[in-house]
């Protein structure tokens, strides 16, 4: 089975975020980048499927040379091939279109993407890929098992869980639960050494169509000082909640 895993390079959650050019551009200086966590769940699941059913796993991302460190980590985890589409991911559509165009020319049986990236949290790329390729799409997927050419899936819905059976090929948007956190794989020395010789191919996008531009970024307001109220002073607490916090 041929599996493509779409990965994105995102800032580590411990990174301090800043902006430049009058708050219109993200400042990547000094930022530690990692594989998007939702994508990492998908990559681990792809490795499990490969070990069970055979085939190969290809990771695909859109970005400049700076993302290759993250791609090499994916190869060290166990992916067989890496494809870097040489473009800056300006918006969801340009990213999805670049990936879908590549996969249209290089079809696979299963496309796994994270349901969203933790930087912009758009949550639209996997659905756009499916639409462009005219493939079935299952989002918020937290369970995947293969039975021949059929994928048995589970996903979260309002108030419960939905179980689905879909024939390949298809696109899924994975999330936590697709594999357990304890199953996530850390590159070992052997994997790191092998990753150096695995192919990382750079391809040029067929087109760069950007539908969205960012006018500016704004950080969340700093948290206000915390006021402590004596446990026995209920009246003061009610007064603060009513007149200052205005939540009652």
Protein backbone atom coordinates (compact mmCIF):
# COMPACT_ATOMS: atom_id res chain seq x y z
CA UNK A 1 0.00 0.00 0.00
CA UNK A 2 1.25 3.45 -0.91
CA UNK A 3 0.71 6.01 1.84
CA UNK A 4 1.37 9.75 1.69
CA UNK A 5 1.61 11.68 4.94
CA UNK A 6 1.27 15.46 4.71
CA UNK A 7 3.43 17.11 7.34
CA UNK A 8 3.94 20.71 8.30
CA UNK A 9 6.78 22.38 10.14
CA UNK A 10 5.46 24.35 13.12
CA UNK A 11 7.07 26.28 16.00
CA UNK A 12 7.66 24.30 19.16
CA UNK A 13 5.05 25.26 21.74
CA UNK A 14 7.78 26.53 24.06
CA UNK A 15 8.99 29.05 21.47
CA UNK A 16 8.53 32.78 22.10
CA UNK A 17 6.58 34.21 19.16
CA UNK A 18 7.38 37.62 17.68
CA UNK A 19 6.52 39.52 14.51
CA UNK A 20 8.46 41.88 12.28
CA UNK A 21 7.74 44.48 9.59
CA UNK A 22 5.10 46.30 11.60
CA UNK A 23 3.54 43.03 12.85
CA UNK A 24 2.86 41.84 9.31
CA UNK A 25 5.36 38.96 9.18
CA UNK A 26 6.19 36.07 11.50
CA UNK A 27 9.72 36.26 12.89
CA UNK A 28 11.29 32.81 12.57
CA UNK A 29 14.63 33.87 14.10
CA UNK A 30 15.64 31.59 16.94
CA UNK A 31 12.51 29.44 16.60
CA UNK A 32 12.76 25.68 17.10
CA UNK A 33 10.55 23.93 14.53
CA UNK A 34 8.97 20.49 14.98
CA UNK A 35 6.63 18.18 13.11
CA UNK A 36 3.05 19.30 13.62
CA UNK A 37 1.76 17.01 16.43
CA UNK A 38 -1.39 15.97 14.55
CA UNK A 39 0.81 15.02 11.58
CA UNK A 40 3.07 13.02 13.88
CA UNK A 41 0.10 10.87 14.93
CA UNK A 42 -0.60 10.28 11.23
CA UNK A 43 3.02 9.43 10.46
CA UNK A 44 3.17 6.89 13.28
CA UNK A 45 -0.07 5.29 12.08
CA UNK A 46 1.31 5.13 8.54
CA UNK A 47 4.39 3.32 9.84
CA UNK A 48 2.19 0.79 11.65
CA UNK A 49 0.14 0.15 8.51
CA UNK A 50 3.29 -0.26 6.44
CA UNK A 51 4.67 -2.81 8.89
CA UNK A 52 1.39 -4.71 8.82
CA UNK A 53 0.45 -4.59 5.14
CA UNK A 54 3.69 -3.69 3.34
CA UNK A 55 4.23 -0.86 0.88
CA UNK A 56 5.95 2.45 1.50
CA UNK A 57 5.40 5.80 3.17
CA UNK A 58 6.12 9.17 1.58
CA UNK A 59 6.05 12.42 3.53
CA UNK A 60 5.05 15.53 1.61
CA UNK A 61 5.38 19.13 2.71
CA UNK A 62 5.36 22.63 1.24
CA UNK A 63 8.19 24.92 2.25
CA UNK A 64 11.66 26.25 1.63
CA UNK A 65 14.94 24.60 2.59
CA UNK A 66 14.36 25.40 6.27
CA UNK A 67 11.76 22.60 6.58
CA UNK A 68 14.21 19.89 5.55
CA UNK A 69 15.35 19.34 9.15
CA UNK A 70 11.81 18.34 10.08
CA UNK A 71 11.57 16.17 6.96
CA UNK A 72 14.78 14.37 7.87
CA UNK A 73 13.25 13.63 11.28
CA UNK A 74 10.27 12.07 9.52
CA UNK A 75 12.65 9.94 7.47
CA UNK A 76 14.50 8.96 10.65
CA UNK A 77 11.21 7.88 12.21
CA UNK A 78 10.78 5.50 9.28
CA UNK A 79 9.29 7.19 6.22
CA UNK A 80 10.77 5.89 2.97
CA UNK A 81 10.67 9.01 0.81
CA UNK A 82 10.32 12.75 1.34
CA UNK A 83 8.95 15.30 -1.11
CA UNK A 84 9.48 19.02 -0.53
CA UNK A 85 7.39 21.25 -2.73
CA UNK A 86 9.53 24.35 -3.07
CA UNK A 87 7.12 27.14 -2.15
CA UNK A 88 6.31 29.25 0.89
CA UNK A 89 2.96 28.09 2.33
CA UNK A 90 1.16 31.43 2.31
CA UNK A 91 -2.39 30.14 2.79
CA UNK A 92 -4.35 26.90 3.05
CA UNK A 93 -5.41 26.81 -0.59
CA UNK A 94 -1.94 27.27 -2.06
CA UNK A 95 -0.64 24.55 0.27
CA UNK A 96 -3.44 22.11 -0.53
CA UNK A 97 -3.27 22.81 -4.25
CA UNK A 98 0.49 22.21 -4.37
CA UNK A 99 0.17 18.89 -2.51
CA UNK A 100 -2.87 17.76 -4.50
CA UNK A 101 -1.17 18.58 -7.81
CA UNK A 102 1.83 16.45 -6.85
CA UNK A 103 -0.36 13.56 -5.66
CA UNK A 104 -2.48 13.74 -8.81
CA UNK A 105 0.67 13.00 -10.79
CA UNK A 106 1.95 10.51 -8.20
CA UNK A 107 -1.17 8.76 -6.86
CA UNK A 108 -1.23 6.82 -3.61
CA UNK A 109 -3.78 4.63 -1.84
CA UNK A 110 -4.11 6.60 1.37
CA UNK A 111 -3.41 10.24 2.21
CA UNK A 112 -3.04 11.06 5.90
CA UNK A 113 -2.90 14.64 7.15
CA UNK A 114 -3.33 16.15 10.57
CA UNK A 115 -6.76 17.67 11.06
CA UNK A 116 -5.05 21.07 11.53
CA UNK A 117 -1.68 22.65 12.21
CA UNK A 118 -1.04 24.07 15.66
CA UNK A 119 0.30 27.39 14.34
CA UNK A 120 -2.62 28.76 12.30
CA UNK A 121 -5.25 26.15 13.26
CA UNK A 122 -7.03 26.56 9.93
CA UNK A 123 -8.12 22.92 9.67
CA UNK A 124 -8.86 23.21 5.95
CA UNK A 125 -5.89 21.71 4.07
CA UNK A 126 -6.86 17.99 4.16
CA UNK A 127 -10.42 18.75 3.06
CA UNK A 128 -9.17 20.91 0.19
CA UNK A 129 -6.79 18.17 -0.93
CA UNK A 130 -9.68 15.70 -1.01
CA UNK A 131 -11.87 18.12 -2.95
CA UNK A 132 -9.20 18.87 -5.56
CA UNK A 133 -8.47 15.14 -6.00
CA UNK A 134 -12.19 14.23 -5.88
CA UNK A 135 -11.58 11.68 -3.10
CA UNK A 136 -13.61 10.74 0.00
CA UNK A 137 -12.58 12.65 3.12
CA UNK A 138 -12.96 11.69 6.79
CA UNK A 139 -11.97 14.37 9.29
CA UNK A 140 -11.26 14.24 13.04
CA UNK A 141 -10.29 10.61 12.57
CA UNK A 142 -9.14 8.86 15.76
CA UNK A 143 -9.24 5.25 14.61
CA UNK A 144 -8.04 3.53 11.43
CA UNK A 145 -7.71 -0.16 10.58
CA UNK A 146 -7.35 -1.72 7.15
CA UNK A 147 -9.29 -4.70 5.81
CA UNK A 148 -7.97 -5.30 2.31
CA UNK A 149 -8.98 -2.31 0.21
CA UNK A 150 -11.37 -1.01 2.86
CA UNK A 151 -10.50 1.42 5.63
CA UNK A 152 -12.49 1.03 8.84
CA UNK A 153 -12.48 4.40 10.58
CA UNK A 154 -13.82 6.07 13.66
CA UNK A 155 -14.15 9.79 14.22
CA UNK A 156 -15.47 12.19 16.80
CA UNK A 157 -18.83 13.83 16.21
CA UNK A 158 -20.99 16.01 18.44
CA UNK A 159 -22.11 13.85 21.32
CA UNK A 160 -20.38 10.65 20.34
CA UNK A 161 -18.38 8.62 17.85
CA UNK A 162 -19.08 7.62 14.25
CA UNK A 163 -17.78 4.41 12.65
CA UNK A 164 -17.26 4.35 8.89
CA UNK A 165 -16.03 1.97 6.19
CA UNK A 166 -14.54 3.60 3.10
CA UNK A 167 -12.86 2.08 0.07
CA UNK A 168 -9.43 3.33 -0.93
CA UNK A 169 -8.21 5.76 -2.08
CA UNK A 170 -9.23 8.37 0.47
CA UNK A 171 -7.98 11.29 2.57
CA UNK A 172 -8.18 11.43 6.35
CA UNK A 173 -7.60 14.25 8.80
CA UNK A 174 -6.08 12.55 11.83
CA UNK A 175 -5.88 13.61 15.44
CA UNK A 176 -4.94 12.35 18.87
CA UNK A 177 -6.27 8.82 19.26
CA UNK A 178 -5.24 7.71 15.80
CA UNK A 179 -2.37 6.23 17.80
CA UNK A 180 -1.65 6.50 21.50
CA UNK A 181 0.87 9.09 22.60
CA UNK A 182 2.95 6.26 24.05
CA UNK A 183 3.22 4.79 20.52
CA UNK A 184 4.77 7.92 18.99
CA UNK A 185 8.19 7.10 17.64
CA UNK A 186 11.44 8.82 18.49
CA UNK A 187 14.26 8.57 15.93
CA UNK A 188 17.02 6.24 17.09
CA UNK A 189 20.63 6.35 15.96
CA UNK A 190 20.06 3.72 13.27
CA UNK A 191 17.10 5.65 11.88
CA UNK A 192 19.04 8.92 11.91
CA UNK A 193 21.92 7.35 9.99
CA UNK A 194 19.56 5.76 7.45
CA UNK A 195 17.72 9.06 6.97
CA UNK A 196 20.88 10.63 5.58
CA UNK A 197 20.77 8.33 2.55
CA UNK A 198 17.00 8.29 1.99
CA UNK A 199 15.81 10.40 -0.95
CA UNK A 200 14.55 13.90 -0.22
CA UNK A 201 13.25 15.21 -3.52
CA UNK A 202 12.56 18.88 -4.22
CA UNK A 203 9.88 19.65 -6.79
CA UNK A 204 8.69 23.01 -8.06
CA UNK A 205 4.99 23.89 -7.71
CA UNK A 206 3.01 23.90 -10.94
CA UNK A 207 1.41 27.19 -9.89
CA UNK A 208 1.30 29.51 -6.90
CA UNK A 209 -2.23 30.78 -6.38
CA UNK A 210 -2.73 32.61 -3.08
CA UNK A 211 -6.29 33.48 -2.13
CA UNK A 212 -5.51 35.00 1.28
CA UNK A 213 -3.01 37.58 2.49
CA UNK A 214 -2.30 38.55 6.10
CA UNK A 215 -2.58 42.23 6.93
CA UNK A 216 -1.17 41.91 10.42
CA UNK A 217 -0.76 39.78 13.52
CA UNK A 218 -1.61 40.63 17.09
CA UNK A 219 -0.55 38.86 20.26
CA UNK A 220 -3.17 38.01 22.89
CA UNK A 221 -3.51 40.52 25.66
CA UNK A 222 -1.35 39.82 28.67
CA UNK A 223 -3.12 38.25 31.59
CA UNK A 224 -4.19 40.78 34.22
CA UNK A 225 -2.97 40.55 37.79
CA UNK A 226 -4.64 37.93 39.93
CA UNK A 227 -6.65 39.10 42.93
CA UNK A 228 -6.85 36.82 45.94
CA UNK A 229 -9.96 36.89 48.10
CA UNK A 230 -10.09 35.47 51.59
CA UNK A 231 -12.03 32.21 51.69
CA UNK A 232 -14.49 33.63 54.17
CA UNK A 233 -15.15 36.90 52.33
CA UNK A 234 -17.87 35.75 49.92
CA UNK A 235 -19.34 39.26 49.66
CA UNK A 236 -16.12 40.71 48.23
CA UNK A 237 -15.86 37.83 45.76
CA UNK A 238 -19.41 38.36 44.52
CA UNK A 239 -18.80 42.12 44.25
CA UNK A 240 -15.64 41.59 42.14
CA UNK A 241 -17.32 39.08 39.85
CA UNK A 242 -20.31 41.37 39.35
CA UNK A 243 -18.77 44.83 39.10
CA UNK A 244 -15.20 44.22 37.88
CA UNK A 245 -15.15 40.93 35.98
CA UNK A 246 -18.81 41.41 34.93
CA UNK A 247 -19.43 37.70 34.67
CA UNK A 248 -22.48 37.60 36.90
